[in-house]
Amino acid sequence: MIRVTEIKFKVDEMATDAKWRSKIAQKLGIPTDAVKAYYIRRESIDARKGVVYTYSLDVETTMEAKLLRKGFKESPPPYEATLINRFREKLQNQKDKKLLSERPIVVGFGPAGMFAALTLAEAGLNPIVLEMGEAVDERTKTVEHFWQTGELNETSNVQFGEGGAGTFSDGKLTTRVKDERIQYVIETFIAAGAPEVIRYKQKPHIGTDYLKCVVKHIRNSIIALGGEVRFQSEVAEILLEDATVSGVKLANGDIVKGSAVIIATGHSARKLFYQLYRQGVAMSAKPFAVGVRIEHPQRMIDHIQYGDSVLAAKLGAAEYKLTHTTSGGRSVYSFCMCPGGEVVASASEAGHLVVNGMSQYARALSNSNSALLVNVTPDDFPSEHPLAGIEFQRQIEAKAFRADAQYAAPCCRLEDFLEGCDTERVASKQAVEARLVQKRFTNLTDFEMLEPTYRPKTVKNDFSDILPIPVLEALKEAIPVFGRKIPGFDHPMAIITGVETRSSSPVRIHRDPVTLVSVAYRDLYPCGEGAGYAGGITSSAIDGIKVAESILLKCLNH
């Protein structure tokens, strides 16, 4: 197939099959009937001067050889799981059935653990998955109960359970990682029920409603291939024999033997991190970020980003990405922006309050929300201990929690959050609304009607007694700057809810860069976001595949 780029459609142009074939033929300089088939691989949107869709495609044509000689490029080959195929071939020999003395164990069933287990299962190694939380259907009921009542289940919640923290999110699949395995991850999601458009969208997302079905389908695939998935199975300790991992001990005392253990717990598995540290697993504190969530009327974001909020019906709810470096050198940035979504209670530890953002696939709710985060480093942490970042998180989360408020989140209007700022830098309500009117956005009553989406409830607090002073000052410097980039972002009636502390893992568990095995113990594989090697659904899934492939390669080389 031939890779074809820069095929363009205007937003109001009908993209019929005949029009596609005509544009492809014109681009390649061939007759229309020479185009046999075409497959969309990438879509991007340029809204700067009228909205234009731009596509990259793979095209089957009867004139491929001639086009290649003319300088057109062949489509990149699809990702092939060659290690899995080689391993299956070796397993066909009965005497090789015991390439591993025991079945491999995967601890955690978020994206990293899920794709590690799927890869091992496809190779025929029958992995055992141990997940502390519940299966997704039961987990959803538990989470909804928490949102309604404030009654927290510490082992099954927004952080823990089938699918990991990403199950209750926007389901974003964008990543800065460049890896051929991305295609495999996307195709796996589609086969499991995700919308096919994630194959080519510029900023693909699945949405929490689809994700719940997708993770269940992948679990069933692992089981059908001979794997096992055990829920409500909390790992309390790694079993060690002569600097080699031999299995795990569960919180209920059960022993599960395994010849390799993948630690894919996600970024909030604090109890296990402390246990690994006590057992001598090498780790260190790493930078991450903390902050708050900000909510605006989604209609305003659509209008500012597209020039016309009506276009959201065709283009989907608009997103934004903002960054600022403060005068003190800290980075402030938007993170996990959820168009048409809600702010959700995400605590996993009693007496500690955390928020996150979530959207359904349709992104159809009236508010947008995004984290506004400030980078923090080990220099900010209370000690030089490898797990000091966890204690930094816990201090903020404990201040945000009120024992008498049933996980009511601190919340305020932006005008209260910014109170005390330099008045020359912070625009008045009249000045902000004048800028919006200049941009022809006149639905200013949207801000008067704006209400927090967080459940179970909120309690008024301006965060001055919750966030560390450097974080608070950095946010107050950045928000007016963001208001100049997106008129209305700094509207006094915007809503601030907090705290967001789980943007990424505060820990890195050290591993060999080639074999991906722990530098402390043989056959222990730190993996994914919790171990400090990924940042999101797609990169975590890729890391899970890479770790599983490392185990396969080790077996093949013995």
Protein backbone atom coordinates (compact mmCIF):
# COMPACT_ATOMS: atom_id res chain seq x y z
CA MET A 1 0.00 0.00 0.00
CA ILE A 2 0.98 3.63 -0.58
CA ARG A 3 0.95 6.23 2.19
CA VAL A 4 -0.91 9.36 1.03
CA THR A 5 -0.93 12.58 3.05
CA GLU A 6 -2.55 16.01 2.93
CA ILE A 7 -5.98 14.93 1.72
CA LYS A 8 -8.22 17.82 2.80
CA PHE A 9 -11.94 18.34 3.36
CA LYS A 10 -13.67 21.52 4.46
CA VAL A 11 -15.98 21.12 7.43
CA ASP A 12 -19.11 21.51 5.30
CA GLU A 13 -17.84 19.34 2.42
CA MET A 14 -19.56 15.98 1.97
CA ALA A 15 -16.92 13.23 2.32
CA THR A 16 -18.52 10.67 -0.02
CA ASP A 17 -16.68 7.62 -1.28
CA ALA A 18 -16.55 9.14 -4.76
CA LYS A 19 -15.04 12.35 -3.35
CA TRP A 20 -12.42 10.38 -1.39
CA ARG A 21 -11.38 8.44 -4.47
CA SER A 22 -11.27 11.58 -6.60
CA LYS A 23 -9.00 13.42 -4.13
CA ILE A 24 -6.70 10.39 -3.74
CA ALA A 25 -6.42 9.90 -7.49
CA GLN A 26 -5.65 13.58 -8.01
CA LYS A 27 -2.96 13.47 -5.28
CA LEU A 28 -1.31 10.39 -6.80
CA GLY A 29 -1.80 11.45 -10.44
CA ILE A 30 -3.62 8.25 -11.39
CA PRO A 31 -7.09 7.41 -12.77
CA THR A 32 -9.86 7.16 -10.21
CA ASP A 33 -10.57 3.52 -11.10
CA ALA A 34 -6.96 2.63 -10.14
CA VAL A 35 -7.81 3.28 -6.48
CA LYS A 36 -8.84 -0.15 -5.12
CA ALA A 37 -9.27 0.70 -1.42
CA TYR A 38 -8.23 3.29 1.15
CA TYR A 39 -7.85 3.30 4.94
CA ILE A 40 -7.78 6.43 7.11
CA ARG A 41 -4.72 6.45 9.36
CA ARG A 42 -4.65 10.02 10.69
CA GLU A 43 -7.05 12.93 10.96
CA SER A 44 -6.16 16.42 12.12
CA ILE A 45 -8.21 19.60 12.32
CA ASP A 46 -7.04 23.11 11.49
CA ALA A 47 -9.50 25.75 12.70
CA ARG A 48 -7.34 28.83 12.17
CA LYS A 49 -8.84 29.97 8.85
CA GLY A 50 -12.06 28.07 8.50
CA VAL A 51 -12.22 24.49 9.71
CA VAL A 52 -10.35 22.01 7.51
CA TYR A 53 -9.88 18.28 8.07
CA THR A 54 -6.53 16.89 6.90
CA TYR A 55 -5.98 13.15 6.44
CA SER A 56 -3.23 10.60 5.98
CA LEU A 57 -4.30 7.35 4.34
CA ASP A 58 -3.01 3.98 3.21
CA VAL A 59 -4.13 3.31 -0.34
CA GLU A 60 -4.35 0.08 -2.34
CA THR A 61 -3.89 0.77 -6.02
CA THR A 62 -3.29 -1.15 -9.23
CA MET A 63 -0.35 1.17 -9.98
CA GLU A 64 1.69 0.69 -6.77
CA ALA A 65 5.00 -0.25 -8.45
CA LYS A 66 4.88 2.79 -10.72
CA LEU A 67 4.05 5.11 -7.82
CA LEU A 68 6.95 3.78 -5.75
CA ARG A 69 9.31 4.44 -8.66
CA LYS A 70 7.96 8.00 -8.81
CA GLY A 71 8.97 8.55 -5.19
CA PHE A 72 5.78 7.89 -3.25
CA LYS A 73 6.32 6.09 0.04
CA GLU A 74 5.14 2.64 0.95
CA SER A 75 2.88 2.41 4.01
CA PRO A 76 4.70 1.47 7.22
CA PRO A 77 4.34 -2.24 8.00
CA PRO A 78 1.93 -3.15 10.81
CA TYR A 79 3.32 -4.11 14.19
CA GLU A 80 3.95 -7.85 14.35
CA ALA A 81 4.24 -9.69 17.65
CA THR A 82 7.18 -11.78 16.41
CA LEU A 83 8.28 -12.77 19.92
CA ILE A 84 4.84 -14.19 20.63
CA ASN A 85 4.93 -16.19 17.41
CA ARG A 86 8.42 -17.54 18.15
CA PHE A 87 7.37 -18.47 21.67
CA ARG A 88 4.28 -20.30 20.45
CA GLU A 89 6.38 -22.28 18.00
CA LYS A 90 8.73 -23.33 20.77
CA LEU A 91 5.83 -24.34 23.01
CA GLN A 92 4.56 -26.69 20.32
CA ASN A 93 7.37 -29.02 21.39
CA GLN A 94 5.95 -30.77 24.46
CA LYS A 95 9.27 -30.88 26.32
CA ASP A 96 9.46 -27.10 26.16
CA LYS A 97 6.16 -26.66 28.04
CA LYS A 98 8.09 -25.82 31.19
CA LEU A 99 10.07 -22.87 29.89
CA LEU A 100 8.98 -21.24 33.14
CA SER A 101 8.87 -23.28 36.34
CA GLU A 102 5.67 -21.49 37.41
CA ARG A 103 3.10 -19.28 35.71
CA PRO A 104 4.02 -15.56 35.60
CA ILE A 105 2.17 -13.23 37.97
CA VAL A 106 0.89 -9.76 37.05
CA VAL A 107 0.11 -7.51 40.01
CA GLY A 108 -2.44 -4.90 38.99
CA PHE A 109 -4.98 -4.81 36.16
CA GLY A 110 -4.71 -1.29 34.79
CA PRO A 111 -3.43 -0.68 31.23
CA ALA A 112 0.12 -1.87 31.98
CA GLY A 113 -0.96 -5.04 33.77
CA MET A 114 -3.73 -5.72 31.29
CA PHE A 115 -1.48 -5.59 28.22
CA ALA A 116 1.35 -7.45 29.96
CA ALA A 117 -1.11 -10.23 30.81
CA LEU A 118 -2.62 -10.23 27.31
CA THR A 119 0.83 -10.52 25.72
CA LEU A 120 1.83 -13.39 28.02
CA ALA A 121 -1.50 -15.11 27.45
CA GLU A 122 -1.18 -14.81 23.67
CA ALA A 123 2.23 -16.46 23.96
CA GLY A 124 0.70 -19.38 25.87
CA LEU A 125 2.16 -18.66 29.32
CA ASN A 126 -1.20 -18.60 31.18
CA PRO A 127 -0.49 -15.62 33.48
CA ILE A 128 -2.16 -15.09 36.85
CA VAL A 129 -3.44 -11.53 37.35
CA LEU A 130 -3.92 -10.32 40.92
CA GLU A 131 -6.01 -7.14 41.26
CA MET A 132 -6.81 -5.57 44.62
CA GLY A 133 -10.06 -3.99 43.46
CA GLU A 134 -13.27 -5.37 42.02
CA ALA A 135 -14.28 -6.35 38.51
CA VAL A 136 -15.53 -3.35 36.58
CA ASP A 137 -19.28 -3.89 37.01
CA GLU A 138 -19.04 -4.29 40.79
CA ARG A 139 -16.42 -1.54 40.95
CA THR A 140 -18.74 0.88 39.15
CA LYS A 141 -21.45 0.30 41.76
CA THR A 142 -18.92 0.80 44.57
CA VAL A 143 -17.64 4.04 43.06
CA GLU A 144 -21.14 5.37 42.45
CA HIS A 145 -22.02 4.60 46.07
CA PHE A 146 -18.97 6.60 47.19
CA TRP A 147 -19.96 9.55 45.02
CA GLN A 148 -23.47 9.52 46.45
CA THR A 149 -22.69 8.94 50.12
CA GLY A 150 -19.01 9.67 50.78
CA GLU A 151 -18.52 6.08 52.07
CA LEU A 152 -15.08 5.03 50.75
CA ASN A 153 -13.95 1.49 49.94
CA GLU A 154 -10.16 1.65 50.28
CA THR A 155 -9.50 -1.41 48.10
CA SER A 156 -11.96 -0.71 45.26
CA ASN A 157 -12.45 2.88 44.09
CA VAL A 158 -11.49 5.29 41.33
CA GLN A 159 -7.82 4.34 41.74
CA PHE A 160 -8.09 0.57 42.29
CA GLY A 161 -10.00 -2.06 40.32
CA GLU A 162 -10.36 -3.50 36.85
CA GLY A 163 -8.96 -1.10 34.26
CA GLY A 164 -7.04 1.03 36.75
CA ALA A 165 -7.53 4.74 37.33
CA GLY A 166 -8.04 5.32 33.60
CA THR A 167 -11.41 3.55 33.68
CA PHE A 168 -12.88 6.60 35.43
CA SER A 169 -11.34 9.27 33.22
CA ASP A 170 -11.73 10.70 29.75
CA GLY A 171 -9.93 7.69 28.28
CA LYS A 172 -7.37 9.75 26.39
CA LEU A 173 -5.05 7.75 24.13
CA THR A 174 -2.65 10.53 23.14
CA THR A 175 0.98 9.97 24.04
CA ARG A 176 4.36 11.51 23.31
CA VAL A 177 5.89 8.03 23.12
CA LYS A 178 6.98 6.95 19.64
CA ASP A 179 6.60 3.19 19.48
CA GLU A 180 5.36 0.70 16.89
CA ARG A 181 3.29 -1.03 19.57
CA ILE A 182 0.84 1.91 19.64
CA GLN A 183 -0.96 0.49 16.61
CA TYR A 184 -1.34 -2.87 18.36
CA VAL A 185 -2.78 -1.16 21.47
CA ILE A 186 -5.28 0.82 19.40
CA GLU A 187 -6.36 -2.21 17.37
CA THR A 188 -6.79 -4.21 20.58
CA PHE A 189 -9.05 -1.52 22.01
CA ILE A 190 -11.12 -1.44 18.81
CA ALA A 191 -11.45 -5.23 18.78
CA ALA A 192 -12.63 -4.96 22.40
CA GLY A 193 -15.40 -2.53 21.50
CA ALA A 194 -13.82 0.94 21.38
CA PRO A 195 -15.00 3.29 18.60
CA GLU A 196 -13.13 2.70 15.34
CA VAL A 197 -12.38 6.40 14.92
CA ILE A 198 -9.68 6.13 17.61
CA ARG A 199 -7.59 4.54 14.87
CA TYR A 200 -7.06 7.90 13.17
CA LYS A 201 -8.30 10.76 15.35
CA GLN A 202 -5.68 13.38 16.17
CA LYS A 203 -6.61 13.28 19.87
CA PRO A 204 -8.34 9.94 20.33
CA HIS A 205 -10.32 9.17 23.45
CA ILE A 206 -12.57 6.31 24.49
CA GLY A 207 -14.59 7.78 27.36
CA THR A 208 -15.34 6.06 30.62
CA ASP A 209 -18.58 4.52 29.29
CA TYR A 210 -16.78 2.62 26.51
CA LEU A 211 -13.76 1.84 28.68
CA LYS A 212 -15.86 -0.17 31.10
CA CYS A 213 -16.89 -2.49 28.27
CA VAL A 214 -13.42 -2.57 26.70
CA VAL A 215 -11.57 -3.69 29.84
CA LYS A 216 -14.13 -6.44 30.46
CA HIS A 217 -13.66 -7.73 26.91
CA ILE A 218 -9.86 -7.77 27.24
CA ARG A 219 -10.17 -9.63 30.56
CA ASN A 220 -12.33 -12.27 28.86
CA SER A 221 -9.77 -12.59 26.07
CA ILE A 222 -6.99 -13.24 28.60
CA ILE A 223 -9.10 -15.91 30.29
CA ALA A 224 -10.01 -17.53 26.95
CA LEU A 225 -6.29 -17.77 26.15
CA GLY A 226 -5.61 -19.64 29.40
CA GLY A 227 -4.88 -16.76 31.77
CA GLU A 228 -6.52 -16.17 35.13
CA VAL A 229 -7.76 -12.90 36.61
CA ARG A 230 -8.40 -12.76 40.35
CA PHE A 231 -10.14 -9.71 41.80
CA GLN A 232 -10.11 -8.57 45.44
CA SER A 233 -6.65 -10.13 45.71
CA GLU A 234 -4.38 -7.63 47.43
CA VAL A 235 -0.67 -8.41 47.25
CA ALA A 236 0.94 -7.74 50.63
CA GLU A 237 4.47 -9.06 50.08
CA ILE A 238 6.84 -10.32 47.40
CA LEU A 239 8.28 -13.79 48.13
CA LEU A 240 12.04 -13.98 47.68
CA GLU A 241 14.50 -16.87 47.51
CA ASP A 242 18.21 -16.11 47.07
CA ALA A 243 17.61 -12.68 45.49
CA THR A 244 15.06 -14.22 43.11
CA VAL A 245 11.31 -13.71 43.18
CA SER A 246 9.34 -16.91 43.76
CA GLY A 247 5.81 -15.54 44.10
CA VAL A 248 3.65 -13.30 46.27
CA LYS A 249 1.77 -13.39 49.55
CA LEU A 250 -1.74 -11.96 49.60
CA ALA A 251 -3.25 -9.84 52.35
CA ASN A 252 -5.44 -12.80 53.35
CA GLY A 253 -2.34 -14.98 53.82
CA ASP A 254 -2.62 -17.00 50.61
CA ILE A 255 0.59 -17.80 48.74
CA VAL A 256 0.70 -17.59 44.94
CA LYS A 257 3.84 -19.07 43.39
CA GLY A 258 5.20 -17.55 40.21
CA SER A 259 8.41 -17.65 38.19
CA ALA A 260 8.21 -13.94 37.31
CA VAL A 261 6.29 -11.09 38.97
CA ILE A 262 5.28 -7.92 37.12
CA ILE A 263 4.50 -4.97 39.41
CA ALA A 264 1.90 -2.95 37.47
CA THR A 265 -0.05 -1.44 40.33
CA GLY A 266 -0.56 2.16 39.16
CA HIS A 267 0.56 5.32 40.92
CA SER A 268 -1.52 5.01 44.10
CA ALA A 269 -0.43 1.62 45.51
CA ARG A 270 1.16 3.21 48.56
CA LYS A 271 1.03 0.20 50.89
CA LEU A 272 2.82 -1.99 48.36
CA PHE A 273 5.43 0.68 47.62
CA TYR A 274 6.30 0.80 51.32
CA GLN A 275 6.46 -3.00 51.50
CA LEU A 276 8.77 -3.18 48.47
CA TYR A 277 11.00 -0.56 50.09
CA ARG A 278 11.16 -2.61 53.29
CA GLN A 279 12.14 -5.64 51.24
CA GLY A 280 15.07 -3.79 49.69
CA VAL A 281 13.65 -3.09 46.23
CA ALA A 282 15.65 -0.15 44.84
CA MET A 283 13.59 2.99 44.27
CA SER A 284 13.83 6.76 44.43
CA ALA A 285 11.60 9.80 44.66
CA LYS A 286 10.75 11.46 41.34
CA PRO A 287 9.17 14.75 40.28
CA PHE A 288 5.44 14.94 39.64
CA ALA A 289 2.80 17.69 39.85
CA VAL A 290 -0.05 18.83 42.08
CA GLY A 291 -2.82 21.40 41.82
CA VAL A 292 -6.55 21.86 41.34
CA ARG A 293 -9.34 21.40 38.80
CA ILE A 294 -10.90 24.38 37.01
CA GLU A 295 -14.37 24.35 35.42
CA HIS A 296 -15.78 26.59 32.69
CA PRO A 297 -18.90 26.53 30.52
CA GLN A 298 -18.08 24.11 27.69
CA ARG A 299 -19.96 26.37 25.28
CA MET A 300 -17.42 29.14 25.96
CA ILE A 301 -14.46 26.83 25.32
CA ASP A 302 -16.08 25.67 22.06
CA HIS A 303 -16.63 29.26 20.93
CA ILE A 304 -13.12 30.46 21.76
CA GLN A 305 -11.40 27.45 20.20
CA TYR A 306 -13.59 27.13 17.10
CA GLY A 307 -14.80 30.70 16.65
CA ASP A 308 -18.36 29.39 16.80
CA SER A 309 -19.77 27.16 19.53
CA VAL A 310 -22.22 25.59 17.05
CA LEU A 311 -19.29 23.84 15.36
CA ALA A 312 -18.90 21.61 18.41
CA ALA A 313 -21.80 19.54 17.07
CA LYS A 314 -19.60 18.58 14.10
CA LEU A 315 -16.13 18.74 15.60
CA GLY A 316 -16.84 17.49 19.10
CA ALA A 317 -16.42 19.42 22.34
CA ALA A 318 -13.32 21.61 22.15
CA GLU A 319 -10.17 21.03 24.17
CA TYR A 320 -7.24 23.22 25.17
CA LYS A 321 -3.67 22.81 26.32
CA LEU A 322 -1.93 25.55 28.29
CA THR A 323 1.55 25.95 29.72
CA HIS A 324 3.40 28.68 31.60
CA THR A 325 6.79 28.94 33.27
CA THR A 326 6.61 31.17 36.32
CA SER A 327 9.07 33.86 37.31
CA GLY A 328 10.36 31.38 39.89
CA GLY A 329 10.98 28.72 37.25
CA ARG A 330 8.08 26.36 37.98
CA SER A 331 6.00 24.81 35.24
CA VAL A 332 2.25 25.30 35.38
CA TYR A 333 0.12 23.44 32.85
CA SER A 334 -3.31 22.10 32.07
CA PHE A 335 -3.59 18.33 32.34
CA CYS A 336 -6.20 15.71 31.48
CA MET A 337 -8.61 18.29 30.12
CA CYS A 338 -12.12 16.78 30.08
CA PRO A 339 -14.48 18.53 27.65
CA GLY A 340 -18.13 18.13 28.53
CA GLY A 341 -17.17 16.21 31.65
CA GLU A 342 -17.25 16.30 35.43
CA VAL A 343 -14.89 16.52 38.40
CA VAL A 344 -14.97 13.27 40.36
CA ALA A 345 -14.04 12.16 43.87
CA SER A 346 -10.95 9.94 43.53
CA ALA A 347 -9.79 9.18 47.07
CA SER A 348 -8.25 5.80 47.84
CA GLU A 349 -7.21 6.34 51.45
CA ALA A 350 -9.39 7.20 54.42
CA GLY A 351 -8.96 10.78 55.62
CA HIS A 352 -7.42 11.96 52.35
CA LEU A 353 -9.27 13.82 49.60
CA VAL A 354 -8.38 13.68 45.89
CA VAL A 355 -10.17 14.80 42.72
CA ASN A 356 -9.83 13.90 39.06
CA GLY A 357 -11.64 14.59 35.78
CA MET A 358 -13.92 12.25 33.83
CA SER A 359 -15.89 12.33 30.57
CA GLN A 360 -18.20 9.98 28.75
CA TYR A 361 -17.38 9.34 25.09
CA ALA A 362 -19.96 11.90 23.90
CA ARG A 363 -18.49 14.66 26.12
CA ALA A 364 -21.98 16.11 26.24
CA LEU A 365 -22.19 17.70 29.72
CA SER A 366 -22.33 21.48 30.10
CA ASN A 367 -19.00 22.02 31.93
CA SER A 368 -15.42 21.57 30.81
CA ASN A 369 -12.80 20.80 33.41
CA SER A 370 -9.05 20.47 33.51
CA ALA A 371 -6.37 19.99 36.07
CA LEU A 372 -4.09 22.98 36.58
CA LEU A 373 -0.85 21.50 37.86
CA VAL A 374 2.44 22.82 39.21
CA ASN A 375 5.58 20.72 39.01
CA VAL A 376 7.14 19.64 42.30
CA THR A 377 10.51 17.96 42.79
CA PRO A 378 12.23 16.04 45.60
CA ASP A 379 13.53 19.40 46.84
CA ASP A 380 9.92 20.19 47.84
CA PHE A 381 9.40 16.94 49.73
CA PRO A 382 9.59 16.68 53.55
CA SER A 383 12.68 14.44 53.54
CA GLU A 384 15.18 12.66 51.30
CA HIS A 385 13.43 9.31 51.77
CA PRO A 386 12.66 7.53 48.47
CA LEU A 387 8.96 7.62 49.36
CA ALA A 388 8.91 11.24 50.52
CA GLY A 389 6.81 12.19 47.50
CA ILE A 390 4.00 10.03 48.85
CA GLU A 391 4.16 11.86 52.17
CA PHE A 392 4.07 15.18 50.29
CA GLN A 393 0.87 14.03 48.54
CA ARG A 394 -0.67 12.78 51.77
CA GLN A 395 -0.04 16.05 53.60
CA ILE A 396 -1.97 18.00 50.93
CA GLU A 397 -4.76 15.42 50.71
CA ALA A 398 -5.16 15.36 54.51
CA LYS A 399 -5.49 19.16 54.61
CA ALA A 400 -8.16 18.98 51.89
CA PHE A 401 -10.17 16.43 53.88
CA ARG A 402 -12.65 17.44 56.56
CA ALA A 403 -13.70 14.69 58.94
CA ASP A 404 -17.14 16.23 59.37
CA ALA A 405 -17.80 16.69 55.65
CA GLN A 406 -18.02 13.17 54.13
CA TYR A 407 -15.46 13.78 51.36
CA ALA A 408 -16.82 17.22 50.51
CA ALA A 409 -14.21 18.80 48.24
CA PRO A 410 -12.79 22.27 48.87
CA CYS A 411 -14.19 24.54 46.18
CA CYS A 412 -14.45 28.25 45.37
CA ARG A 413 -14.96 30.76 42.60
CA LEU A 414 -11.83 31.88 40.82
CA GLU A 415 -12.24 35.41 42.19
CA ASP A 416 -11.87 34.01 45.72
CA PHE A 417 -8.97 31.79 44.74
CA LEU A 418 -7.10 34.77 43.26
CA GLU A 419 -7.92 37.15 46.09
CA GLY A 420 -4.84 39.10 47.14
CA CYS A 421 -3.20 38.91 43.71
CA ASP A 422 -1.75 41.97 42.05
CA THR A 423 -4.84 43.81 40.73
CA GLU A 424 -2.90 45.01 37.70
CA ARG A 425 -2.41 41.42 36.61
CA VAL A 426 -5.85 40.05 37.50
CA ALA A 427 -8.60 41.29 35.23
CA SER A 428 -11.96 42.41 36.63
CA LYS A 429 -15.16 40.63 35.67
CA GLN A 430 -16.06 43.54 33.38
CA ALA A 431 -12.68 43.37 31.61
CA VAL A 432 -12.93 39.60 31.12
CA GLU A 433 -16.45 39.82 29.77
CA ALA A 434 -15.44 42.67 27.44
CA ARG A 435 -12.79 40.38 25.93
CA LEU A 436 -15.39 37.64 25.50
CA VAL A 437 -17.76 40.01 23.74
CA GLN A 438 -14.91 41.05 21.43
CA LYS A 439 -14.65 37.36 20.55
CA ARG A 440 -18.42 37.43 19.89
CA PHE A 441 -19.27 35.19 22.81
CA THR A 442 -22.34 36.76 24.41
CA ASN A 443 -23.73 33.89 26.52
CA LEU A 444 -22.25 35.46 29.63
CA THR A 445 -25.07 34.10 31.79
CA ASP A 446 -23.39 30.70 31.33
CA PHE A 447 -20.98 31.74 34.06
CA GLU A 448 -23.77 32.80 36.41
CA MET A 449 -25.32 29.35 35.95
CA LEU A 450 -22.02 27.48 36.34
CA GLU A 451 -22.12 24.98 39.21
CA PRO A 452 -19.52 22.49 40.46
CA THR A 453 -19.97 18.96 39.13
CA TYR A 454 -18.12 17.24 41.98
CA ARG A 455 -20.02 14.72 44.08
CA PRO A 456 -20.96 14.03 46.85
CA LYS A 457 -20.71 17.75 47.70
CA THR A 458 -18.35 20.70 47.99
CA VAL A 459 -17.38 23.02 50.82
CA LYS A 460 -16.14 26.58 50.35
CA ASN A 461 -12.38 27.02 50.76
CA ASP A 462 -9.92 29.28 48.94
CA PHE A 463 -7.06 26.72 49.28
CA SER A 464 -4.78 29.10 51.18
CA ASP A 465 -4.58 26.60 54.04
CA ILE A 466 -4.34 23.52 51.79
CA LEU A 467 -1.83 23.97 48.97
CA PRO A 468 1.87 24.63 49.61
CA ILE A 469 2.68 28.31 49.16
CA PRO A 470 4.94 27.79 46.09
CA VAL A 471 2.16 25.83 44.36
CA LEU A 472 -0.48 28.41 45.26
CA GLU A 473 1.68 31.31 44.06
CA ALA A 474 2.52 29.56 40.79
CA LEU A 475 -1.17 28.94 40.02
CA LYS A 476 -2.08 32.53 40.82
CA GLU A 477 0.62 33.80 38.46
CA ALA A 478 -0.32 31.44 35.64
CA ILE A 479 -4.12 31.74 35.54
CA PRO A 480 -4.21 35.40 34.39
CA VAL A 481 -1.66 34.48 31.71
CA PHE A 482 -3.92 31.66 30.56
CA GLY A 483 -6.76 34.19 30.46
CA ARG A 484 -4.87 36.15 27.83
CA LYS A 485 -4.45 32.99 25.74
CA ILE A 486 -8.07 31.84 26.14
CA PRO A 487 -10.35 34.82 26.80
CA GLY A 488 -12.69 33.94 29.64
CA PHE A 489 -10.37 31.38 31.21
CA ASP A 490 -9.78 33.82 34.07
CA HIS A 491 -13.45 34.72 34.50
CA PRO A 492 -14.07 35.35 38.22
CA MET A 493 -17.01 32.92 38.19
CA ALA A 494 -14.95 29.95 36.98
CA ILE A 495 -14.91 27.15 39.56
CA ILE A 496 -11.85 25.79 41.36
CA THR A 497 -12.09 22.35 43.02
CA GLY A 498 -9.29 20.36 44.61
CA VAL A 499 -7.02 18.79 45.25
CA GLU A 500 -5.39 16.94 42.36
CA THR A 501 -2.28 15.11 43.57
CA ARG A 502 -2.22 11.87 41.56
CA SER A 503 -1.07 13.21 38.19
CA SER A 504 1.74 10.63 38.05
CA SER A 505 3.73 8.38 40.34
CA PRO A 506 5.93 10.03 43.01
CA VAL A 507 8.20 6.97 42.88
CA ARG A 508 10.50 5.30 40.38
CA ILE A 509 11.30 1.64 41.00
CA HIS A 510 14.70 1.07 39.45
CA ARG A 511 15.06 -1.46 36.66
CA ASP A 512 17.68 -2.47 34.10
CA PRO A 513 17.12 -0.37 30.96
CA VAL A 514 17.59 -3.37 28.67
CA THR A 515 16.05 -6.35 30.45
CA LEU A 516 13.52 -4.21 32.39
CA VAL A 517 14.08 -6.37 35.46
CA SER A 518 14.49 -4.86 38.93
CA VAL A 519 18.08 -3.99 39.78
CA ALA A 520 17.49 -5.53 43.22
CA TYR A 521 15.86 -8.89 42.47
CA ARG A 522 15.81 -11.29 39.54
CA ASP A 523 12.43 -11.94 37.91
CA LEU A 524 10.80 -8.84 39.45
CA TYR A 525 9.60 -6.46 36.75
CA PRO A 526 8.55 -2.89 37.70
CA CYS A 527 6.09 -1.76 35.05
CA GLY A 528 3.90 1.11 33.93
CA GLU A 529 2.93 4.41 35.49
CA GLY A 530 3.15 3.30 39.12
CA ALA A 531 6.75 2.22 38.69
CA GLY A 532 7.60 5.55 37.06
CA TYR A 533 7.93 4.43 33.43
CA ALA A 534 4.74 5.68 31.78
CA GLY A 535 2.20 8.48 31.91
CA GLY A 536 -1.26 7.59 30.66
CA ILE A 537 -3.25 4.73 29.16
CA THR A 538 -1.32 4.22 25.93
CA SER A 539 2.22 4.56 27.28
CA SER A 540 1.34 2.29 30.21
CA ALA A 541 -0.05 -0.34 27.86
CA ILE A 542 3.11 -0.14 25.74
CA ASP A 543 5.30 -0.60 28.81
CA GLY A 544 3.25 -3.63 29.81
CA ILE A 545 3.84 -5.18 26.39
CA LYS A 546 7.57 -4.42 26.55
CA VAL A 547 7.95 -6.03 29.98
CA ALA A 548 6.04 -9.13 28.86
CA GLU A 549 8.23 -9.35 25.75
CA SER A 550 11.31 -9.13 27.98
CA ILE A 551 10.10 -12.20 29.87
CA LEU A 552 9.47 -14.04 26.59
CA LEU A 553 12.91 -13.12 25.29
CA LYS A 554 14.55 -14.35 28.47
CA CYS A 555 12.79 -17.70 28.09
CA LEU A 556 13.73 -18.02 24.44
CA ASN A 557 17.39 -17.33 25.21
CA HIS A 558 17.61 -20.09 27.84
